[in-house]
Amino acid sequence: MLLLVHQNESRVEVWRRAPDWTVQVAGPGDVIDLPELAGALSLSEIYARIAL
């Protein structure tokens, strides 16, 4: 799994390889499920202290 967190906009790309690479794009208000880490991340938490 690879997370690409954008710094200029509220956007996270989640890349997973199983067996080929797939991408999930999350935007404002979304929650990213991370079963590999037994948890989830909300974009509002990721960008809470960042002025975009």
C-alpha atoms as a PDB file:
ATOM      1  CA  MET A   1       0.000   0.000   0.000  1.00  0.00           C
ATOM      2  CA  LEU A   2       1.158   3.488  -0.859  1.00  0.00           C
ATOM      3  CA  LEU A   3      -0.460   6.743   0.283  1.00  0.00           C
ATOM      4  CA  LEU A   4       0.105   9.930  -1.716  1.00  0.00           C
ATOM      5  CA  VAL A   5      -0.993  12.937   0.320  1.00  0.00           C
ATOM      6  CA  HIS A   6      -1.296  16.125  -1.726  1.00  0.00           C
ATOM      7  CA  GLN A   7      -0.042  19.321  -0.141  1.00  0.00           C
ATOM      8  CA  ASN A   8      -1.942  21.879  -2.231  1.00  0.00           C
ATOM      9  CA  GLU A   9      -5.407  20.347  -2.087  1.00  0.00           C
ATOM     10  CA  SER A  10      -7.417  18.043   0.147  1.00  0.00           C
ATOM     11  CA  ARG A  11      -6.723  14.849  -1.773  1.00  0.00           C
ATOM     12  CA  VAL A  12      -5.175  11.481  -0.924  1.00  0.00           C
ATOM     13  CA  GLU A  13      -4.466   8.655  -3.346  1.00  0.00           C
ATOM     14  CA  VAL A  14      -4.360   5.119  -1.947  1.00  0.00           C
ATOM     15  CA  TRP A  15      -2.456   2.716  -4.202  1.00  0.00           C
ATOM     16  CA  ARG A  16      -2.760  -1.019  -3.556  1.00  0.00           C
ATOM     17  CA  ARG A  17      -1.190  -3.952  -5.361  1.00  0.00           C
ATOM     18  CA  ALA A  18      -3.357  -7.065  -5.403  1.00  0.00           C
ATOM     19  CA  PRO A  19      -2.230  -8.456  -7.888  1.00  0.00           C
ATOM     20  CA  ASP A  20      -2.205  -5.331 -10.112  1.00  0.00           C
ATOM     21  CA  TRP A  21      -2.014  -1.752  -8.865  1.00  0.00           C
ATOM     22  CA  THR A  22      -5.353  -0.081  -8.145  1.00  0.00           C
ATOM     23  CA  VAL A  23      -5.971   3.468  -6.962  1.00  0.00           C
ATOM     24  CA  GLN A  24      -8.623   4.963  -4.705  1.00  0.00           C
ATOM     25  CA  VAL A  25      -8.868   8.764  -4.669  1.00  0.00           C
ATOM     26  CA  ALA A  26     -10.279  10.441  -1.573  1.00  0.00           C
ATOM     27  CA  GLY A  27     -11.351  14.060  -1.284  1.00  0.00           C
ATOM     28  CA  PRO A  28     -12.781  16.462   1.295  1.00  0.00           C
ATOM     29  CA  GLY A  29     -15.065  14.734   3.788  1.00  0.00           C
ATOM     30  CA  ASP A  30     -13.972  11.217   2.809  1.00  0.00           C
ATOM     31  CA  VAL A  31     -12.682   8.504   5.132  1.00  0.00           C
ATOM     32  CA  ILE A  32     -10.037   6.083   3.899  1.00  0.00           C
ATOM     33  CA  ASP A  33     -10.364   2.504   5.153  1.00  0.00           C
ATOM     34  CA  LEU A  34      -6.977   0.959   5.852  1.00  0.00           C
ATOM     35  CA  PRO A  35      -7.566  -2.711   6.683  1.00  0.00           C
ATOM     36  CA  GLU A  36      -3.828  -3.345   6.283  1.00  0.00           C
ATOM     37  CA  LEU A  37      -3.314  -1.166   9.378  1.00  0.00           C
ATOM     38  CA  ALA A  38      -6.567  -2.145  11.130  1.00  0.00           C
ATOM     39  CA  GLY A  39      -7.922   1.387  10.991  1.00  0.00           C
ATOM     40  CA  ALA A  40      -9.133   4.346   8.979  1.00  0.00           C
ATOM     41  CA  LEU A  41      -8.122   7.955   8.289  1.00  0.00           C
ATOM     42  CA  SER A  42     -10.430  10.864   7.653  1.00  0.00           C
ATOM     43  CA  LEU A  43      -9.204  13.600   5.364  1.00  0.00           C
ATOM     44  CA  SER A  44     -10.476  16.195   7.818  1.00  0.00           C
ATOM     45  CA  GLU A  45      -7.999  14.811  10.396  1.00  0.00           C
ATOM     46  CA  ILE A  46      -5.123  14.734   7.926  1.00  0.00           C
ATOM     47  CA  TYR A  47      -5.654  18.360   6.859  1.00  0.00           C
ATOM     48  CA  ALA A  48      -6.879  19.747  10.221  1.00  0.00           C
ATOM     49  CA  ARG A  49      -3.951  22.155  10.739  1.00  0.00           C
ATOM     50  CA  ILE A  50      -3.275  23.018   7.113  1.00  0.00           C
ATOM     51  CA  ALA A  51      -4.645  26.124   5.411  1.00  0.00           C
ATOM     52  CA  LEU A  52      -5.351  25.272   1.789  1.00  0.00           C
END
